Amino acid sequence: DGILSLVSVGASLYWLFNFEQIILRIGNFNQVDFIVGGIVIVLVLEAT
């Protein structure tokens, strides 16, 4: 649970640390973007 807490915080804040790059990549996301997005979806469901 401690690990999940850290991962959820890091993945959720992906927008904070990569805001400008993500905005420039809209419509052309890379593999890391999709992996982080998938992790957040799973963590949101598990937390819920």
ModelCIF file with pLDDT and N, C-alpha, C, O atoms, coordinates in Angstrom:
data_MODEL
#
_entry.id   MODEL 
#
_entity.id                         1 
_entity.type                       polymer 
_entity.pdbx_number_of_molecules   1 
#
_entity_poly.entity_id                      1 
_entity_poly.type                           'polypeptide(L)' 
_entity_poly.nstd_linkage                   no 
_entity_poly.nstd_monomer                   no 
_entity_poly.pdbx_seq_one_letter_code       DGILSLVSVGASLYWLFNFEQIILRIGNFNQVDFIVGGIVIVLVLEAT 
_entity_poly.pdbx_seq_one_letter_code_can   DGILSLVSVGASLYWLFNFEQIILRIGNFNQVDFIVGGIVIVLVLEAT 
_entity_poly.pdbx_strand_id                 A 
#
loop_
_entity_poly_seq.entity_id 
_entity_poly_seq.num 
_entity_poly_seq.mon_id 
_entity_poly_seq.hetero 
1 1  ASP n 
1 2  GLY n 
1 3  ILE n 
1 4  LEU n 
1 5  SER n 
1 6  LEU n 
1 7  VAL n 
1 8  SER n 
1 9  VAL n 
1 10 GLY n 
1 11 ALA n 
1 12 SER n 
1 13 LEU n 
1 14 TYR n 
1 15 TRP n 
1 16 LEU n 
1 17 PHE n 
1 18 ASN n 
1 19 PHE n 
1 20 GLU n 
1 21 GLN n 
1 22 ILE n 
1 23 ILE n 
1 24 LEU n 
1 25 ARG n 
1 26 ILE n 
1 27 GLY n 
1 28 ASN n 
1 29 PHE n 
1 30 ASN n 
1 31 GLN n 
1 32 VAL n 
1 33 ASP n 
1 34 PHE n 
1 35 ILE n 
1 36 VAL n 
1 37 GLY n 
1 38 GLY n 
1 39 ILE n 
1 40 VAL n 
1 41 ILE n 
1 42 VAL n 
1 43 LEU n 
1 44 VAL n 
1 45 LEU n 
1 46 GLU n 
1 47 ALA n 
1 48 THR n 
#
_struct_asym.id          A 
_struct_asym.entity_id   1 
#
loop_
_ma_qa_metric.id 
_ma_qa_metric.mode 
_ma_qa_metric.name 
_ma_qa_metric.software_group_id 
_ma_qa_metric.type 
1 global pLDDT . pLDDT 
2 local  pLDDT . pLDDT 
#
_ma_qa_metric_global.metric_id      1 
_ma_qa_metric_global.metric_value   91.62 
_ma_qa_metric_global.model_id       1 
_ma_qa_metric_global.ordinal_id     1 
#
loop_
_ma_qa_metric_local.label_asym_id 
_ma_qa_metric_local.label_comp_id 
_ma_qa_metric_local.label_seq_id 
_ma_qa_metric_local.metric_id 
_ma_qa_metric_local.metric_value 
_ma_qa_metric_local.model_id 
_ma_qa_metric_local.ordinal_id 
A ASP 1  2 93.00 1 1  
A GLY 2  2 94.00 1 2  
A ILE 3  2 95.00 1 3  
A LEU 4  2 95.00 1 4  
A SER 5  2 95.00 1 5  
A LEU 6  2 95.00 1 6  
A VAL 7  2 95.00 1 7  
A SER 8  2 94.00 1 8  
A VAL 9  2 94.00 1 9  
A GLY 10 2 93.00 1 10 
A ALA 11 2 92.00 1 11 
A SER 12 2 90.00 1 12 
A LEU 13 2 92.00 1 13 
A TYR 14 2 93.00 1 14 
A TRP 15 2 91.00 1 15 
A LEU 16 2 90.00 1 16 
A PHE 17 2 91.00 1 17 
A ASN 18 2 90.00 1 18 
A PHE 19 2 90.00 1 19 
A GLU 20 2 89.00 1 20 
A GLN 21 2 90.00 1 21 
A ILE 22 2 88.00 1 22 
A ILE 23 2 88.00 1 23 
A LEU 24 2 86.00 1 24 
A ARG 25 2 83.00 1 25 
A ILE 26 2 79.00 1 26 
A GLY 27 2 76.00 1 27 
A ASN 28 2 82.00 1 28 
A PHE 29 2 85.00 1 29 
A ASN 30 2 88.00 1 30 
A GLN 31 2 91.00 1 31 
A VAL 32 2 92.00 1 32 
A ASP 33 2 92.00 1 33 
A PHE 34 2 93.00 1 34 
A ILE 35 2 94.00 1 35 
A VAL 36 2 94.00 1 36 
A GLY 37 2 94.00 1 37 
A GLY 38 2 95.00 1 38 
A ILE 39 2 95.00 1 39 
A VAL 40 2 96.00 1 40 
A ILE 41 2 96.00 1 41 
A VAL 42 2 96.00 1 42 
A LEU 43 2 97.00 1 43 
A VAL 44 2 96.00 1 44 
A LEU 45 2 96.00 1 45 
A GLU 46 2 96.00 1 46 
A ALA 47 2 95.00 1 47 
A THR 48 2 94.00 1 48 
#
loop_
_atom_site.group_PDB 
_atom_site.id 
_atom_site.type_symbol 
_atom_site.label_atom_id 
_atom_site.label_alt_id 
_atom_site.label_comp_id 
_atom_site.label_asym_id 
_atom_site.label_entity_id 
_atom_site.label_seq_id 
_atom_site.pdbx_PDB_ins_code 
_atom_site.Cartn_x 
_atom_site.Cartn_y 
_atom_site.Cartn_z 
_atom_site.occupancy 
_atom_site.B_iso_or_equiv 
_atom_site.pdbx_formal_charge 
_atom_site.auth_seq_id 
_atom_site.auth_comp_id 
_atom_site.auth_asym_id 
_atom_site.auth_atom_id 
_atom_site.pdbx_PDB_model_num 
ATOM 1   N N  . ASP A 1 1  ? 0.828   -1.207 0.000   1.00 93.00 ? 1  ASP A N  1 
ATOM 2   C CA . ASP A 1 1  ? 0.000   0.000  0.000   1.00 93.00 ? 1  ASP A CA 1 
ATOM 3   C C  . ASP A 1 1  ? 0.862   1.257  0.000   1.00 93.00 ? 1  ASP A C  1 
ATOM 4   O O  . ASP A 1 1  ? 0.510   2.263  -0.614  1.00 93.00 ? 1  ASP A O  1 
ATOM 5   N N  . GLY A 1 2  ? 1.995   1.187  0.695   1.00 94.00 ? 2  GLY A N  1 
ATOM 6   C CA . GLY A 1 2  ? 2.922   2.318  0.674   1.00 94.00 ? 2  GLY A CA 1 
ATOM 7   C C  . GLY A 1 2  ? 3.454   2.569  -0.728  1.00 94.00 ? 2  GLY A C  1 
ATOM 8   O O  . GLY A 1 2  ? 3.575   3.712  -1.168  1.00 94.00 ? 2  GLY A O  1 
ATOM 9   N N  . ILE A 1 3  ? 3.772   1.467  -1.431  1.00 95.00 ? 3  ILE A N  1 
ATOM 10  C CA . ILE A 1 3  ? 4.261   1.590  -2.812  1.00 95.00 ? 3  ILE A CA 1 
ATOM 11  C C  . ILE A 1 3  ? 3.165   2.150  -3.723  1.00 95.00 ? 3  ILE A C  1 
ATOM 12  O O  . ILE A 1 3  ? 3.412   3.032  -4.545  1.00 95.00 ? 3  ILE A O  1 
ATOM 13  N N  . LEU A 1 4  ? 1.932   1.612  -3.555  1.00 95.00 ? 4  LEU A N  1 
ATOM 14  C CA . LEU A 1 4  ? 0.811   2.097  -4.372  1.00 95.00 ? 4  LEU A CA 1 
ATOM 15  C C  . LEU A 1 4  ? 0.547   3.579  -4.123  1.00 95.00 ? 4  LEU A C  1 
ATOM 16  O O  . LEU A 1 4  ? 0.199   4.316  -5.046  1.00 95.00 ? 4  LEU A O  1 
ATOM 17  N N  . SER A 1 5  ? 0.712   4.013  -2.877  1.00 95.00 ? 5  SER A N  1 
ATOM 18  C CA . SER A 1 5  ? 0.512   5.418  -2.546  1.00 95.00 ? 5  SER A CA 1 
ATOM 19  C C  . SER A 1 5  ? 1.516   6.294  -3.291  1.00 95.00 ? 5  SER A C  1 
ATOM 20  O O  . SER A 1 5  ? 1.155   7.321  -3.865  1.00 95.00 ? 5  SER A O  1 
ATOM 21  N N  . LEU A 1 6  ? 2.780   5.876  -3.273  1.00 95.00 ? 6  LEU A N  1 
ATOM 22  C CA . LEU A 1 6  ? 3.823   6.644  -3.962  1.00 95.00 ? 6  LEU A CA 1 
ATOM 23  C C  . LEU A 1 6  ? 3.612   6.662  -5.469  1.00 95.00 ? 6  LEU A C  1 
ATOM 24  O O  . LEU A 1 6  ? 3.744   7.702  -6.114  1.00 95.00 ? 6  LEU A O  1 
ATOM 25  N N  . VAL A 1 7  ? 3.280   5.484  -6.028  1.00 95.00 ? 7  VAL A N  1 
ATOM 26  C CA . VAL A 1 7  ? 3.064   5.390  -7.475  1.00 95.00 ? 7  VAL A CA 1 
ATOM 27  C C  . VAL A 1 7  ? 1.869   6.243  -7.897  1.00 95.00 ? 7  VAL A C  1 
ATOM 28  O O  . VAL A 1 7  ? 1.921   6.921  -8.923  1.00 95.00 ? 7  VAL A O  1 
ATOM 29  N N  . SER A 1 8  ? 0.792   6.211  -7.106  1.00 94.00 ? 8  SER A N  1 
ATOM 30  C CA . SER A 1 8  ? -0.411  6.975  -7.455  1.00 94.00 ? 8  SER A CA 1 
ATOM 31  C C  . SER A 1 8  ? -0.140  8.478  -7.434  1.00 94.00 ? 8  SER A C  1 
ATOM 32  O O  . SER A 1 8  ? -0.639  9.220  -8.280  1.00 94.00 ? 8  SER A O  1 
ATOM 33  N N  . VAL A 1 9  ? 0.654   8.918  -6.460  1.00 94.00 ? 9  VAL A N  1 
ATOM 34  C CA . VAL A 1 9  ? 1.001   10.340 -6.398  1.00 94.00 ? 9  VAL A CA 1 
ATOM 35  C C  . VAL A 1 9  ? 1.855   10.725 -7.609  1.00 94.00 ? 9  VAL A C  1 
ATOM 36  O O  . VAL A 1 9  ? 1.601   11.737 -8.263  1.00 94.00 ? 9  VAL A O  1 
ATOM 37  N N  . GLY A 1 10 ? 2.872   9.900  -7.898  1.00 93.00 ? 10 GLY A N  1 
ATOM 38  C CA . GLY A 1 10 ? 3.759   10.196 -9.028  1.00 93.00 ? 10 GLY A CA 1 
ATOM 39  C C  . GLY A 1 10 ? 3.027   10.194 -10.356 1.00 93.00 ? 10 GLY A C  1 
ATOM 40  O O  . GLY A 1 10 ? 3.210   11.090 -11.179 1.00 93.00 ? 10 GLY A O  1 
ATOM 41  N N  . ALA A 1 11 ? 2.187   9.170  -10.563 1.00 92.00 ? 11 ALA A N  1 
ATOM 42  C CA . ALA A 1 11 ? 1.462   9.064  -11.832 1.00 92.00 ? 11 ALA A CA 1 
ATOM 43  C C  . ALA A 1 11 ? 0.438   10.186 -11.989 1.00 92.00 ? 11 ALA A C  1 
ATOM 44  O O  . ALA A 1 11 ? 0.253   10.719 -13.083 1.00 92.00 ? 11 ALA A O  1 
ATOM 45  N N  . SER A 1 12 ? -0.225  10.539 -10.885 1.00 90.00 ? 12 SER A N  1 
ATOM 46  C CA . SER A 1 12 ? -1.230  11.611 -10.956 1.00 90.00 ? 12 SER A CA 1 
ATOM 47  C C  . SER A 1 12 ? -0.587  12.954 -11.258 1.00 90.00 ? 12 SER A C  1 
ATOM 48  O O  . SER A 1 12 ? -1.177  13.799 -11.932 1.00 90.00 ? 12 SER A O  1 
ATOM 49  N N  . LEU A 1 13 ? 0.639   13.147 -10.749 1.00 92.00 ? 13 LEU A N  1 
ATOM 50  C CA . LEU A 1 13 ? 1.328   14.426 -10.955 1.00 92.00 ? 13 LEU A CA 1 
ATOM 51  C C  . LEU A 1 13 ? 2.102   14.482 -12.275 1.00 92.00 ? 13 LEU A C  1 
ATOM 52  O O  . LEU A 1 13 ? 2.845   15.432 -12.522 1.00 92.00 ? 13 LEU A O  1 
ATOM 53  N N  . TYR A 1 14 ? 1.926   13.470 -13.116 1.00 93.00 ? 14 TYR A N  1 
ATOM 54  C CA . TYR A 1 14 ? 2.581   13.449 -14.427 1.00 93.00 ? 14 TYR A CA 1 
ATOM 55  C C  . TYR A 1 14 ? 2.218   14.696 -15.227 1.00 93.00 ? 14 TYR A C  1 
ATOM 56  O O  . TYR A 1 14 ? 3.049   15.237 -15.958 1.00 93.00 ? 14 TYR A O  1 
ATOM 57  N N  . TRP A 1 15 ? 0.991   15.141 -15.087 1.00 91.00 ? 15 TRP A N  1 
ATOM 58  C CA . TRP A 1 15 ? 0.546   16.371 -15.750 1.00 91.00 ? 15 TRP A CA 1 
ATOM 59  C C  . TRP A 1 15 ? 1.322   17.584 -15.233 1.00 91.00 ? 15 TRP A C  1 
ATOM 60  O O  . TRP A 1 15 ? 1.694   18.467 -16.007 1.00 91.00 ? 15 TRP A O  1 
ATOM 61  N N  . LEU A 1 16 ? 1.564   17.620 -13.913 1.00 90.00 ? 16 LEU A N  1 
ATOM 62  C CA . LEU A 1 16 ? 2.237   18.769 -13.304 1.00 90.00 ? 16 LEU A CA 1 
ATOM 63  C C  . LEU A 1 16 ? 3.644   18.950 -13.864 1.00 90.00 ? 16 LEU A C  1 
ATOM 64  O O  . LEU A 1 16 ? 4.061   20.068 -14.167 1.00 90.00 ? 16 LEU A O  1 
ATOM 65  N N  . PHE A 1 17 ? 4.371   17.842 -13.999 1.00 91.00 ? 17 PHE A N  1 
ATOM 66  C CA . PHE A 1 17 ? 5.783   17.922 -14.404 1.00 91.00 ? 17 PHE A CA 1 
ATOM 67  C C  . PHE A 1 17 ? 5.984   17.914 -15.922 1.00 91.00 ? 17 PHE A C  1 
ATOM 68  O O  . PHE A 1 17 ? 7.079   18.198 -16.407 1.00 91.00 ? 17 PHE A O  1 
ATOM 69  N N  . ASN A 1 18 ? 4.924   17.588 -16.670 1.00 90.00 ? 18 ASN A N  1 
ATOM 70  C CA . ASN A 1 18 ? 5.076   17.486 -18.130 1.00 90.00 ? 18 ASN A CA 1 
ATOM 71  C C  . ASN A 1 18 ? 3.981   18.255 -18.870 1.00 90.00 ? 18 ASN A C  1 
ATOM 72  O O  . ASN A 1 18 ? 3.603   17.896 -19.985 1.00 90.00 ? 18 ASN A O  1 
ATOM 73  N N  . PHE A 1 19 ? 3.479   19.309 -18.238 1.00 90.00 ? 19 PHE A N  1 
ATOM 74  C CA . PHE A 1 19 ? 2.304   19.995 -18.788 1.00 90.00 ? 19 PHE A CA 1 
ATOM 75  C C  . PHE A 1 19 ? 2.542   20.517 -20.204 1.00 90.00 ? 19 PHE A C  1 
ATOM 76  O O  . PHE A 1 19 ? 1.758   20.221 -21.106 1.00 90.00 ? 19 PHE A O  1 
ATOM 77  N N  . GLU A 1 20 ? 3.592   21.276 -20.410 1.00 89.00 ? 20 GLU A N  1 
ATOM 78  C CA . GLU A 1 20 ? 3.830   21.889 -21.717 1.00 89.00 ? 20 GLU A CA 1 
ATOM 79  C C  . GLU A 1 20 ? 4.101   20.837 -22.792 1.00 89.00 ? 20 GLU A C  1 
ATOM 80  O O  . GLU A 1 20 ? 3.623   20.956 -23.921 1.00 89.00 ? 20 GLU A O  1 
ATOM 81  N N  . GLN A 1 21 ? 4.877   19.797 -22.432 1.00 90.00 ? 21 GLN A N  1 
ATOM 82  C CA . GLN A 1 21 ? 5.187   18.741 -23.404 1.00 90.00 ? 21 GLN A CA 1 
ATOM 83  C C  . GLN A 1 21 ? 3.935   17.976 -23.808 1.00 90.00 ? 21 GLN A C  1 
ATOM 84  O O  . GLN A 1 21 ? 3.758   17.639 -24.979 1.00 90.00 ? 21 GLN A O  1 
ATOM 85  N N  . ILE A 1 22 ? 3.054   17.700 -22.821 1.00 88.00 ? 22 ILE A N  1 
ATOM 86  C CA . ILE A 1 22 ? 1.821   16.957 -23.128 1.00 88.00 ? 22 ILE A CA 1 
ATOM 87  C C  . ILE A 1 22 ? 0.924   17.782 -24.044 1.00 88.00 ? 22 ILE A C  1 
ATOM 88  O O  . ILE A 1 22 ? 0.337   17.257 -24.990 1.00 88.00 ? 22 ILE A O  1 
ATOM 89  N N  . ILE A 1 23 ? 0.822   19.079 -23.755 1.00 88.00 ? 23 ILE A N  1 
ATOM 90  C CA . ILE A 1 23 ? -0.009  19.956 -24.593 1.00 88.00 ? 23 ILE A CA 1 
ATOM 91  C C  . ILE A 1 23 ? 0.498   19.940 -26.032 1.00 88.00 ? 23 ILE A C  1 
ATOM 92  O O  . ILE A 1 23 ? -0.298  19.916 -26.971 1.00 88.00 ? 23 ILE A O  1 
ATOM 93  N N  . LEU A 1 24 ? 1.829   19.952 -26.211 1.00 86.00 ? 24 LEU A N  1 
ATOM 94  C CA . LEU A 1 24 ? 2.412   19.926 -27.553 1.00 86.00 ? 24 LEU A CA 1 
ATOM 95  C C  . LEU A 1 24 ? 2.215   18.575 -28.232 1.00 86.00 ? 24 LEU A C  1 
ATOM 96  O O  . LEU A 1 24 ? 2.178   18.489 -29.459 1.00 86.00 ? 24 LEU A O  1 
ATOM 97  N N  . ARG A 1 25 ? 2.084   17.489 -27.402 1.00 83.00 ? 25 ARG A N  1 
ATOM 98  C CA . ARG A 1 25 ? 1.951   16.139 -27.972 1.00 83.00 ? 25 ARG A CA 1 
ATOM 99  C C  . ARG A 1 25 ? 0.490   15.714 -28.163 1.00 83.00 ? 25 ARG A C  1 
ATOM 100 O O  . ARG A 1 25 ? 0.250   14.578 -28.572 1.00 83.00 ? 25 ARG A O  1 
ATOM 101 N N  . ILE A 1 26 ? -0.486  16.568 -27.887 1.00 79.00 ? 26 ILE A N  1 
ATOM 102 C CA . ILE A 1 26 ? -1.894  16.177 -27.990 1.00 79.00 ? 26 ILE A CA 1 
ATOM 103 C C  . ILE A 1 26 ? -2.183  15.626 -29.387 1.00 79.00 ? 26 ILE A C  1 
ATOM 104 O O  . ILE A 1 26 ? -1.898  16.266 -30.399 1.00 79.00 ? 26 ILE A O  1 
ATOM 105 N N  . GLY A 1 27 ? -2.750  14.435 -29.413 1.00 76.00 ? 27 GLY A N  1 
ATOM 106 C CA . GLY A 1 27 ? -3.029  13.756 -30.678 1.00 76.00 ? 27 GLY A CA 1 
ATOM 107 C C  . GLY A 1 27 ? -1.878  12.895 -31.149 1.00 76.00 ? 27 GLY A C  1 
ATOM 108 O O  . GLY A 1 27 ? -2.011  12.145 -32.117 1.00 76.00 ? 27 GLY A O  1 
ATOM 109 N N  . ASN A 1 28 ? -0.730  13.002 -30.459 1.00 82.00 ? 28 ASN A N  1 
ATOM 110 C CA . ASN A 1 28 ? 0.444   12.206 -30.853 1.00 82.00 ? 28 ASN A CA 1 
ATOM 111 C C  . ASN A 1 28 ? 1.216   11.769 -29.604 1.00 82.00 ? 28 ASN A C  1 
ATOM 112 O O  . ASN A 1 28 ? 2.419   11.998 -29.481 1.00 82.00 ? 28 ASN A O  1 
ATOM 113 N N  . PHE A 1 29 ? 0.488   11.135 -28.685 1.00 85.00 ? 29 PHE A N  1 
ATOM 114 C CA . PHE A 1 29 ? 1.087   10.742 -27.407 1.00 85.00 ? 29 PHE A CA 1 
ATOM 115 C C  . PHE A 1 29 ? 2.084   9.607  -27.598 1.00 85.00 ? 29 PHE A C  1 
ATOM 116 O O  . PHE A 1 29 ? 1.935   8.777  -28.495 1.00 85.00 ? 29 PHE A O  1 
ATOM 117 N N  . ASN A 1 30 ? 3.120   9.582  -26.726 1.00 88.00 ? 30 ASN A N  1 
ATOM 118 C CA . ASN A 1 30 ? 4.116   8.513  -26.809 1.00 88.00 ? 30 ASN A CA 1 
ATOM 119 C C  . ASN A 1 30 ? 3.765   7.350  -25.889 1.00 88.00 ? 30 ASN A C  1 
ATOM 120 O O  . ASN A 1 30 ? 2.750   7.377  -25.193 1.00 88.00 ? 30 ASN A O  1 
ATOM 121 N N  . GLN A 1 31 ? 4.615   6.337  -25.896 1.00 91.00 ? 31 GLN A N  1 
ATOM 122 C CA . GLN A 1 31 ? 4.321   5.112  -25.147 1.00 91.00 ? 31 GLN A CA 1 
ATOM 123 C C  . GLN A 1 31 ? 4.298   5.362  -23.641 1.00 91.00 ? 31 GLN A C  1 
ATOM 124 O O  . GLN A 1 31 ? 3.483   4.772  -22.932 1.00 91.00 ? 31 GLN A O  1 
ATOM 125 N N  . VAL A 1 32 ? 5.179   6.227  -23.147 1.00 92.00 ? 32 VAL A N  1 
ATOM 126 C CA . VAL A 1 32 ? 5.208   6.536  -21.708 1.00 92.00 ? 32 VAL A CA 1 
ATOM 127 C C  . VAL A 1 32 ? 3.896   7.191  -21.285 1.00 92.00 ? 32 VAL A C  1 
ATOM 128 O O  . VAL A 1 32 ? 3.362   6.890  -20.217 1.00 92.00 ? 32 VAL A O  1 
ATOM 129 N N  . ASP A 1 33 ? 3.387   8.073  -22.113 1.00 92.00 ? 33 ASP A N  1 
ATOM 130 C CA . ASP A 1 33 ? 2.105   8.723  -21.815 1.00 92.00 ? 33 ASP A CA 1 
ATOM 131 C C  . ASP A 1 33 ? 1.005   7.689  -21.607 1.00 92.00 ? 33 ASP A C  1 
ATOM 132 O O  . ASP A 1 33 ? 0.239   7.765  -20.646 1.00 92.00 ? 33 ASP A O  1 
ATOM 133 N N  . PHE A 1 34 ? 0.938   6.714  -22.527 1.00 93.00 ? 34 PHE A N  1 
ATOM 134 C CA . PHE A 1 34 ? -0.122  5.700  -22.431 1.00 93.00 ? 34 PHE A CA 1 
ATOM 135 C C  . PHE A 1 34 ? 0.064   4.807  -21.213 1.00 93.00 ? 34 PHE A C  1 
ATOM 136 O O  . PHE A 1 34 ? -0.912  4.417  -20.573 1.00 93.00 ? 34 PHE A O  1 
ATOM 137 N N  . ILE A 1 35 ? 1.312   4.481  -20.888 1.00 94.00 ? 35 ILE A N  1 
ATOM 138 C CA . ILE A 1 35 ? 1.572   3.635  -19.716 1.00 94.00 ? 35 ILE A CA 1 
ATOM 139 C C  . ILE A 1 35 ? 1.144   4.361  -18.442 1.00 94.00 ? 35 ILE A C  1 
ATOM 140 O O  . ILE A 1 35 ? 0.479   3.778  -17.586 1.00 94.00 ? 35 ILE A O  1 
ATOM 141 N N  . VAL A 1 36 ? 1.524   5.633  -18.317 1.00 94.00 ? 36 VAL A N  1 
ATOM 142 C CA . VAL A 1 36 ? 1.140   6.415  -17.135 1.00 94.00 ? 36 VAL A CA 1 
ATOM 143 C C  . VAL A 1 36 ? -0.383  6.546  -17.060 1.00 94.00 ? 36 VAL A C  1 
ATOM 144 O O  . VAL A 1 36 ? -0.971  6.374  -15.992 1.00 94.00 ? 36 VAL A O  1 
ATOM 145 N N  . GLY A 1 37 ? -1.020  6.851  -18.193 1.00 94.00 ? 37 GLY A N  1 
ATOM 146 C CA . GLY A 1 37 ? -2.472  6.969  -18.215 1.00 94.00 ? 37 GLY A CA 1 
ATOM 147 C C  . GLY A 1 37 ? -3.152  5.683  -17.802 1.00 94.00 ? 37 GLY A C  1 
ATOM 148 O O  . GLY A 1 37 ? -4.119  5.711  -17.040 1.00 94.00 ? 37 GLY A O  1 
ATOM 149 N N  . GLY A 1 38 ? -2.659  4.543  -18.296 1.00 95.00 ? 38 GLY A N  1 
ATOM 150 C CA . GLY A 1 38 ? -3.223  3.243  -17.921 1.00 95.00 ? 38 GLY A CA 1 
ATOM 151 C C  . GLY A 1 38 ? -3.060  2.964  -16.446 1.00 95.00 ? 38 GLY A C  1 
ATOM 152 O O  . GLY A 1 38 ? -3.973  2.439  -15.809 1.00 95.00 ? 38 GLY A O  1 
ATOM 153 N N  . ILE A 1 39 ? -1.889  3.312  -15.883 1.00 95.00 ? 39 ILE A N  1 
ATOM 154 C CA . ILE A 1 39 ? -1.639  3.101  -14.448 1.00 95.00 ? 39 ILE A CA 1 
ATOM 155 C C  . ILE A 1 39 ? -2.619  3.928  -13.608 1.00 95.00 ? 39 ILE A C  1 
ATOM 156 O O  . ILE A 1 39 ? -3.173  3.430  -12.628 1.00 95.00 ? 39 ILE A O  1 
ATOM 157 N N  . VAL A 1 40 ? -2.828  5.182  -13.992 1.00 96.00 ? 40 VAL A N  1 
ATOM 158 C CA . VAL A 1 40 ? -3.740  6.043  -13.241 1.00 96.00 ? 40 VAL A CA 1 
ATOM 159 C C  . VAL A 1 40 ? -5.166  5.487  -13.270 1.00 96.00 ? 40 VAL A C  1 
ATOM 160 O O  . VAL A 1 40 ? -5.855  5.498  -12.250 1.00 96.00 ? 40 VAL A O  1 
ATOM 161 N N  . ILE A 1 41 ? -5.607  5.004  -14.426 1.00 96.00 ? 41 ILE A N  1 
ATOM 162 C CA . ILE A 1 41 ? -6.959  4.438  -14.522 1.00 96.00 ? 41 ILE A CA 1 
ATOM 163 C C  . ILE A 1 41 ? -7.111  3.261  -13.564 1.00 96.00 ? 41 ILE A C  1 
ATOM 164 O O  . ILE A 1 41 ? -8.101  3.171  -12.839 1.00 96.00 ? 41 ILE A O  1 
ATOM 165 N N  . VAL A 1 42 ? -6.128  2.358  -13.560 1.00 96.00 ? 42 VAL A N  1 
ATOM 166 C CA . VAL A 1 42 ? -6.178  1.176  -12.671 1.00 96.00 ? 42 VAL A CA 1 
ATOM 167 C C  . VAL A 1 42 ? -6.162  1.601  -11.207 1.00 96.00 ? 42 VAL A C  1 
ATOM 168 O O  . VAL A 1 42 ? -6.923  1.067  -10.400 1.00 96.00 ? 42 VAL A O  1 
ATOM 169 N N  . LEU A 1 43 ? -5.298  2.560  -10.855 1.00 97.00 ? 43 LEU A N  1 
ATOM 170 C CA . LEU A 1 43 ? -5.195  3.011  -9.465  1.00 97.00 ? 43 LEU A CA 1 
ATOM 171 C C  . LEU A 1 43 ? -6.465  3.728  -9.008  1.00 97.00 ? 43 LEU A C  1 
ATOM 172 O O  . LEU A 1 43 ? -6.878  3.581  -7.858  1.00 97.00 ? 43 LEU A O  1 
ATOM 173 N N  . VAL A 1 44 ? -7.081  4.498  -9.895  1.00 96.00 ? 44 VAL A N  1 
ATOM 174 C CA . VAL A 1 44 ? -8.346  5.163  -9.552  1.00 96.00 ? 44 VAL A CA 1 
ATOM 175 C C  . VAL A 1 44 ? -9.414  4.119  -9.234  1.00 96.00 ? 44 VAL A C  1 
ATOM 176 O O  . VAL A 1 44 ? -10.146 4.247  -8.253  1.00 96.00 ? 44 VAL A O  1 
ATOM 177 N N  . LEU A 1 45 ? -9.496  3.084  -10.072 1.00 96.00 ? 45 LEU A N  1 
ATOM 178 C CA . LEU A 1 45 ? -10.491 2.029  -9.846  1.00 96.00 ? 45 LEU A CA 1 
ATOM 179 C C  . LEU A 1 45 ? -10.227 1.277  -8.543  1.00 96.00 ? 45 LEU A C  1 
ATOM 180 O O  . LEU A 1 45 ? -11.163 0.971  -7.804  1.00 96.00 ? 45 LEU A O  1 
ATOM 181 N N  . GLU A 1 46 ? -8.968  0.979  -8.257  1.00 96.00 ? 46 GLU A N  1 
ATOM 182 C CA . GLU A 1 46 ? -8.642  0.258  -7.027  1.00 96.00 ? 46 GLU A CA 1 
ATOM 183 C C  . GLU A 1 46 ? -8.905  1.124  -5.795  1.00 96.00 ? 46 GLU A C  1 
ATOM 184 O O  . GLU A 1 46 ? -9.430  0.635  -4.794  1.00 96.00 ? 46 GLU A O  1 
ATOM 185 N N  . ALA A 1 47 ? -8.548  2.393  -5.862  1.00 95.00 ? 47 ALA A N  1 
ATOM 186 C CA . ALA A 1 47 ? -8.812  3.295  -4.732  1.00 95.00 ? 47 ALA A CA 1 
ATOM 187 C C  . ALA A 1 47 ? -10.311 3.421  -4.500  1.00 95.00 ? 47 ALA A C  1 
ATOM 188 O O  . ALA A 1 47 ? -10.764 3.441  -3.356  1.00 95.00 ? 47 ALA A O  1 
ATOM 189 N N  . THR A 1 48 ? -11.077 3.504  -5.574  1.00 94.00 ? 48 THR A N  1 
ATOM 190 C CA . THR A 1 48 ? -12.531 3.610  -5.448  1.00 94.00 ? 48 THR A CA 1 
ATOM 191 C C  . THR A 1 48 ? -13.110 2.342  -4.835  1.00 94.00 ? 48 THR A C  1 
ATOM 192 O O  . THR A 1 48 ? -14.324 2.244  -4.651  1.00 94.00 ? 48 THR A O  1 
#
